[in-house]
Amino acid sequence: MRLLQYNNKKVKLLTKTGNVYQGRAYFCDAEDYETEEDELTIKNELDKKFYGFSESEIKSIEII
């Protein structure tokens, strides 16, 4: 999955556990943040909180 294409876009993200998050996405490169996988951070529209998801946690993403 190429997460960079979702950077600074409004998205709807479905996790593998079935949770849905909708809001602005921010790409976090694995090398820059010293993690094993690239990640997306989402500012969720419902509660205005930030949530981070590694590539392996994401089932699907849709630009809205």
PDB file of N, CA and C in Angstrom:
ATOM      1  N   MET A   1       0.855  -1.169   0.000  1.00  0.00           N
ATOM      2  CA  MET A   1       0.000   0.000   0.000  1.00  0.00           C
ATOM      3  C   MET A   1       0.903   1.235   0.000  1.00  0.00           C
ATOM      4  N   ARG A   2       0.620   2.172  -0.860  1.00  0.00           N
ATOM      5  CA  ARG A   2       1.426   3.394  -0.949  1.00  0.00           C
ATOM      6  C   ARG A   2       0.764   4.498  -0.129  1.00  0.00           C
ATOM      7  N   LEU A   3       1.149   4.624   1.119  1.00  0.00           N
ATOM      8  CA  LEU A   3       0.497   5.556   2.029  1.00  0.00           C
ATOM      9  C   LEU A   3       0.783   7.019   1.707  1.00  0.00           C
ATOM     10  N   LEU A   4       1.906   7.292   1.064  1.00  0.00           N
ATOM     11  CA  LEU A   4       2.270   8.673   0.751  1.00  0.00           C
ATOM     12  C   LEU A   4       1.194   9.369  -0.089  1.00  0.00           C
ATOM     13  N   GLN A   5       0.499   8.624  -0.932  1.00  0.00           N
ATOM     14  CA  GLN A   5      -0.523   9.225  -1.799  1.00  0.00           C
ATOM     15  C   GLN A   5      -1.706   9.804  -1.015  1.00  0.00           C
ATOM     16  N   TYR A   6      -1.843   9.434   0.253  1.00  0.00           N
ATOM     17  CA  TYR A   6      -2.943   9.931   1.083  1.00  0.00           C
ATOM     18  C   TYR A   6      -2.542  11.123   1.957  1.00  0.00           C
ATOM     19  N   ASN A   7      -1.282  11.530   1.872  1.00  0.00           N
ATOM     20  CA  ASN A   7      -0.795  12.631   2.701  1.00  0.00           C
ATOM     21  C   ASN A   7      -1.579  13.912   2.445  1.00  0.00           C
ATOM     22  N   ASN A   8      -2.061  14.521   3.527  1.00  0.00           N
ATOM     23  CA  ASN A   8      -2.793  15.788   3.493  1.00  0.00           C
ATOM     24  C   ASN A   8      -4.088  15.709   2.683  1.00  0.00           C
ATOM     25  N   LYS A   9      -4.669  14.517   2.608  1.00  0.00           N
ATOM     26  CA  LYS A   9      -5.951  14.313   1.935  1.00  0.00           C
ATOM     27  C   LYS A   9      -7.003  13.949   2.975  1.00  0.00           C
ATOM     28  N   LYS A  10      -8.258  14.251   2.662  1.00  0.00           N
ATOM     29  CA  LYS A  10      -9.363  13.823   3.515  1.00  0.00           C
ATOM     30  C   LYS A  10      -9.691  12.384   3.129  1.00  0.00           C
ATOM     31  N   VAL A  11      -9.653  11.490   4.105  1.00  0.00           N
ATOM     32  CA  VAL A  11      -9.808  10.067   3.822  1.00  0.00           C
ATOM     33  C   VAL A  11     -10.808   9.406   4.769  1.00  0.00           C
ATOM     34  N   LYS A  12     -11.247   8.241   4.346  1.00  0.00           N
ATOM     35  CA  LYS A  12     -12.013   7.331   5.198  1.00  0.00           C
ATOM     36  C   LYS A  12     -11.169   6.071   5.299  1.00  0.00           C
ATOM     37  N   LEU A  13     -10.765   5.719   6.514  1.00  0.00           N
ATOM     38  CA  LEU A  13      -9.860   4.599   6.746  1.00  0.00           C
ATOM     39  C   LEU A  13     -10.581   3.510   7.527  1.00  0.00           C
ATOM     40  N   LEU A  14     -10.470   2.273   7.046  1.00  0.00           N
ATOM     41  CA  LEU A  14     -11.034   1.107   7.722  1.00  0.00           C
ATOM     42  C   LEU A  14      -9.878   0.257   8.224  1.00  0.00           C
ATOM     43  N   THR A  15      -9.876  -0.021   9.531  1.00  0.00           N
ATOM     44  CA  THR A  15      -8.825  -0.858  10.103  1.00  0.00           C
ATOM     45  C   THR A  15      -9.192  -2.330   9.955  1.00  0.00           C
ATOM     46  N   LYS A  16      -8.217  -3.187  10.124  1.00  0.00           N
ATOM     47  CA  LYS A  16      -8.462  -4.628  10.050  1.00  0.00           C
ATOM     48  C   LYS A  16      -9.343  -5.116  11.193  1.00  0.00           C
ATOM     49  N   THR A  17      -9.455  -4.324  12.261  1.00  0.00           N
ATOM     50  CA  THR A  17     -10.330  -4.691  13.382  1.00  0.00           C
ATOM     51  C   THR A  17     -11.753  -4.175  13.186  1.00  0.00           C
ATOM     52  N   GLY A  18     -12.004  -3.461  12.079  1.00  0.00           N
ATOM     53  CA  GLY A  18     -13.352  -3.018  11.756  1.00  0.00           C
ATOM     54  C   GLY A  18     -13.707  -1.604  12.163  1.00  0.00           C
ATOM     55  N   ASN A  19     -12.761  -0.860  12.721  1.00  0.00           N
ATOM     56  CA  ASN A  19     -13.024   0.531  13.104  1.00  0.00           C
ATOM     57  C   ASN A  19     -12.872   1.454  11.896  1.00  0.00           C
ATOM     58  N   VAL A  20     -13.707   2.493  11.847  1.00  0.00           N
ATOM     59  CA  VAL A  20     -13.677   3.452  10.746  1.00  0.00           C
ATOM     60  C   VAL A  20     -13.286   4.822  11.291  1.00  0.00           C
ATOM     61  N   TYR A  21     -12.369   5.483  10.591  1.00  0.00           N
ATOM     62  CA  TYR A  21     -11.924   6.827  10.946  1.00  0.00           C
ATOM     63  C   TYR A  21     -12.018   7.684   9.695  1.00  0.00           C
ATOM     64  N   GLN A  22     -12.454   8.919   9.872  1.00  0.00           N
ATOM     65  CA  GLN A  22     -12.597   9.823   8.743  1.00  0.00           C
ATOM     66  C   GLN A  22     -12.011  11.171   9.112  1.00  0.00           C
ATOM     67  N   GLY A  23     -11.159  11.692   8.232  1.00  0.00           N
ATOM     68  CA  GLY A  23     -10.553  12.992   8.490  1.00  0.00           C
ATOM     69  C   GLY A  23      -9.314  13.202   7.644  1.00  0.00           C
ATOM     70  N   ARG A  24      -8.513  14.194   8.027  1.00  0.00           N
ATOM     71  CA  ARG A  24      -7.289  14.545   7.310  1.00  0.00           C
ATOM     72  C   ARG A  24      -6.185  13.564   7.669  1.00  0.00           C
ATOM     73  N   ALA A  25      -5.482  13.053   6.650  1.00  0.00           N
ATOM     74  CA  ALA A  25      -4.413  12.073   6.851  1.00  0.00           C
ATOM     75  C   ALA A  25      -3.046  12.733   6.682  1.00  0.00           C
ATOM     76  N   TYR A  26      -2.102  12.283   7.487  1.00  0.00           N
ATOM     77  CA  TYR A  26      -0.724  12.769   7.430  1.00  0.00           C
ATOM     78  C   TYR A  26       0.213  11.569   7.384  1.00  0.00           C
ATOM     79  N   PHE A  27       1.078  11.544   6.383  1.00  0.00           N
ATOM     80  CA  PHE A  27       2.012  10.440   6.174  1.00  0.00           C
ATOM     81  C   PHE A  27       3.200  10.554   7.119  1.00  0.00           C
ATOM     82  N   CYS A  28       3.606   9.439   7.690  1.00  0.00           N
ATOM     83  CA  CYS A  28       4.779   9.360   8.565  1.00  0.00           C
ATOM     84  C   CYS A  28       5.708   8.283   8.014  1.00  0.00           C
ATOM     85  N   ASP A  29       6.827   8.699   7.456  1.00  0.00           N
ATOM     86  CA  ASP A  29       7.780   7.777   6.854  1.00  0.00           C
ATOM     87  C   ASP A  29       8.499   6.968   7.932  1.00  0.00           C
ATOM     88  N   ALA A  30       8.637   5.681   7.706  1.00  0.00           N
ATOM     89  CA  ALA A  30       9.260   4.786   8.688  1.00  0.00           C
ATOM     90  C   ALA A  30      10.688   5.217   9.029  1.00  0.00           C
ATOM     91  N   GLU A  31      11.439   5.659   8.043  1.00  0.00           N
ATOM     92  CA  GLU A  31      12.825   6.066   8.292  1.00  0.00           C
ATOM     93  C   GLU A  31      12.903   7.332   9.139  1.00  0.00           C
ATOM     94  N   ASP A  32      12.021   8.275   8.879  1.00  0.00           N
ATOM     95  CA  ASP A  32      12.032   9.539   9.627  1.00  0.00           C
ATOM     96  C   ASP A  32      11.613   9.355  11.078  1.00  0.00           C
ATOM     97  N   TYR A  33      10.693   8.424  11.313  1.00  0.00           N
ATOM     98  CA  TYR A  33      10.156   8.234  12.665  1.00  0.00           C
ATOM     99  C   TYR A  33      10.703   6.988  13.361  1.00  0.00           C
ATOM    100  N   GLU A  34      11.689   6.359  12.722  1.00  0.00           N
ATOM    101  CA  GLU A  34      12.369   5.184  13.276  1.00  0.00           C
ATOM    102  C   GLU A  34      11.390   4.084  13.688  1.00  0.00           C
ATOM    103  N   THR A  35      10.459   3.784  12.779  1.00  0.00           N
ATOM    104  CA  THR A  35       9.511   2.687  12.979  1.00  0.00           C
ATOM    105  C   THR A  35       9.743   1.642  11.899  1.00  0.00           C
ATOM    106  N   GLU A  36       9.162   0.479  12.081  1.00  0.00           N
ATOM    107  CA  GLU A  36       9.350  -0.602  11.117  1.00  0.00           C
ATOM    108  C   GLU A  36       8.531  -0.412   9.846  1.00  0.00           C
ATOM    109  N   GLU A  37       7.401   0.294   9.952  1.00  0.00           N
ATOM    110  CA  GLU A  37       6.506   0.479   8.814  1.00  0.00           C
ATOM    111  C   GLU A  37       6.135   1.949   8.661  1.00  0.00           C
ATOM    112  N   ASP A  38       5.772   2.319   7.423  1.00  0.00           N
ATOM    113  CA  ASP A  38       5.193   3.635   7.208  1.00  0.00           C
ATOM    114  C   ASP A  38       3.859   3.695   7.945  1.00  0.00           C
ATOM    115  N   GLU A  39       3.459   4.904   8.318  1.00  0.00           N
ATOM    116  CA  GLU A  39       2.214   5.076   9.066  1.00  0.00           C
ATOM    117  C   GLU A  39       1.426   6.263   8.535  1.00  0.00           C
ATOM    118  N   LEU A  40       0.134   6.251   8.807  1.00  0.00           N
ATOM    119  CA  LEU A  40      -0.721   7.408   8.586  1.00  0.00           C
ATOM    120  C   LEU A  40      -1.263   7.854   9.930  1.00  0.00           C
ATOM    121  N   THR A  41      -1.251   9.151  10.141  1.00  0.00           N
ATOM    122  CA  THR A  41      -1.916   9.730  11.301  1.00  0.00           C
ATOM    123  C   THR A  41      -3.162  10.422  10.781  1.00  0.00           C
ATOM    124  N   ILE A  42      -4.288  10.166  11.421  1.00  0.00           N
ATOM    125  CA  ILE A  42      -5.569  10.737  11.001  1.00  0.00           C
ATOM    126  C   ILE A  42      -6.090  11.649  12.110  1.00  0.00           C
ATOM    127  N   LYS A  43      -6.505  12.856  11.738  1.00  0.00           N
ATOM    128  CA  LYS A  43      -7.237  13.703  12.686  1.00  0.00           C
ATOM    129  C   LYS A  43      -8.709  13.386  12.472  1.00  0.00           C
ATOM    130  N   ASN A  44      -9.273  12.604  13.371  1.00  0.00           N
ATOM    131  CA  ASN A  44     -10.639  12.111  13.241  1.00  0.00           C
ATOM    132  C   ASN A  44     -11.638  13.265  13.369  1.00  0.00           C
ATOM    133  N   GLU A  45     -12.579  13.348  12.424  1.00  0.00           N
ATOM    134  CA  GLU A  45     -13.559  14.432  12.427  1.00  0.00           C
ATOM    135  C   GLU A  45     -14.530  14.354  13.601  1.00  0.00           C
ATOM    136  N   LEU A  46     -14.851  13.153  14.052  1.00  0.00           N
ATOM    137  CA  LEU A  46     -15.860  13.001  15.099  1.00  0.00           C
ATOM    138  C   LEU A  46     -15.410  13.537  16.452  1.00  0.00           C
ATOM    139  N   ASP A  47     -14.209  13.178  16.874  1.00  0.00           N
ATOM    140  CA  ASP A  47     -13.750  13.583  18.205  1.00  0.00           C
ATOM    141  C   ASP A  47     -12.540  14.521  18.187  1.00  0.00           C
ATOM    142  N   LYS A  48     -12.079  14.875  16.987  1.00  0.00           N
ATOM    143  CA  LYS A  48     -10.949  15.808  16.814  1.00  0.00           C
ATOM    144  C   LYS A  48      -9.642  15.293  17.412  1.00  0.00           C
ATOM    145  N   LYS A  49      -9.539  13.995  17.643  1.00  0.00           N
ATOM    146  CA  LYS A  49      -8.308  13.397  18.166  1.00  0.00           C
ATOM    147  C   LYS A  49      -7.478  12.844  17.014  1.00  0.00           C
ATOM    148  N   PHE A  50      -6.176  12.679  17.279  1.00  0.00           N
ATOM    149  CA  PHE A  50      -5.265  12.102  16.300  1.00  0.00           C
ATOM    150  C   PHE A  50      -5.078  10.620  16.592  1.00  0.00           C
ATOM    151  N   TYR A  51      -5.094   9.808  15.517  1.00  0.00           N
ATOM    152  CA  TYR A  51      -4.895   8.366  15.628  1.00  0.00           C
ATOM    153  C   TYR A  51      -3.848   7.949  14.601  1.00  0.00           C
ATOM    154  N   GLY A  52      -2.912   7.098  15.016  1.00  0.00           N
ATOM    155  CA  GLY A  52      -1.872   6.616  14.124  1.00  0.00           C
ATOM    156  C   GLY A  52      -2.087   5.160  13.761  1.00  0.00           C
ATOM    157  N   PHE A  53      -1.831   4.840  12.483  1.00  0.00           N
ATOM    158  CA  PHE A  53      -2.027   3.480  11.988  1.00  0.00           C
ATOM    159  C   PHE A  53      -0.838   3.051  11.147  1.00  0.00           C
ATOM    160  N   SER A  54      -0.257   1.915  11.499  1.00  0.00           N
ATOM    161  CA  SER A  54       0.803   1.357  10.667  1.00  0.00           C
ATOM    162  C   SER A  54       0.158   0.708   9.450  1.00  0.00           C
ATOM    163  N   GLU A  55       0.958   0.522   8.436  1.00  0.00           N
ATOM    164  CA  GLU A  55       0.462  -0.040   7.179  1.00  0.00           C
ATOM    165  C   GLU A  55      -0.229  -1.391   7.389  1.00  0.00           C
ATOM    166  N   SER A  56       0.287  -2.203   8.291  1.00  0.00           N
ATOM    167  CA  SER A  56      -0.274  -3.541   8.517  1.00  0.00           C
ATOM    168  C   SER A  56      -1.617  -3.516   9.251  1.00  0.00           C
ATOM    169  N   GLU A  57      -1.979  -2.387   9.856  1.00  0.00           N
ATOM    170  CA  GLU A  57      -3.257  -2.269  10.569  1.00  0.00           C
ATOM    171  C   GLU A  57      -4.405  -1.820   9.669  1.00  0.00           C
ATOM    172  N   ILE A  58      -4.080  -1.366   8.460  1.00  0.00           N
ATOM    173  CA  ILE A  58      -5.071  -0.756   7.573  1.00  0.00           C
ATOM    174  C   ILE A  58      -5.638  -1.790   6.604  1.00  0.00           C
ATOM    175  N   LYS A  59      -6.960  -1.894   6.583  1.00  0.00           N
ATOM    176  CA  LYS A  59      -7.632  -2.782   5.627  1.00  0.00           C
ATOM    177  C   LYS A  59      -7.885  -2.046   4.316  1.00  0.00           C
ATOM    178  N   SER A  60      -8.412  -0.810   4.402  1.00  0.00           N
ATOM    179  CA  SER A  60      -8.667  -0.035   3.186  1.00  0.00           C
ATOM    180  C   SER A  60      -8.664   1.455   3.502  1.00  0.00           C
ATOM    181  N   ILE A  61      -8.384   2.241   2.461  1.00  0.00           N
ATOM    182  CA  ILE A  61      -8.408   3.697   2.563  1.00  0.00           C
ATOM    183  C   ILE A  61      -9.084   4.232   1.307  1.00  0.00           C
ATOM    184  N   GLU A  62      -9.897   5.255   1.503  1.00  0.00           N
ATOM    185  CA  GLU A  62     -10.594   5.881   0.387  1.00  0.00           C
ATOM    186  C   GLU A  62     -10.451   7.395   0.535  1.00  0.00           C
ATOM    187  N   ILE A  63     -10.060   8.073  -0.548  1.00  0.00           N
ATOM    188  CA  ILE A  63     -10.012   9.535  -0.543  1.00  0.00           C
ATOM    189  C   ILE A  63     -11.433  10.039  -0.732  1.00  0.00           C
ATOM    190  N   ILE A  64     -11.841  10.974   0.138  1.00  0.00           N
ATOM    191  CA  ILE A  64     -13.215  11.498   0.044  1.00  0.00           C
ATOM    192  C   ILE A  64     -13.217  13.001  -0.180  1.00  0.00           C
TER     193      ILE A  64
END
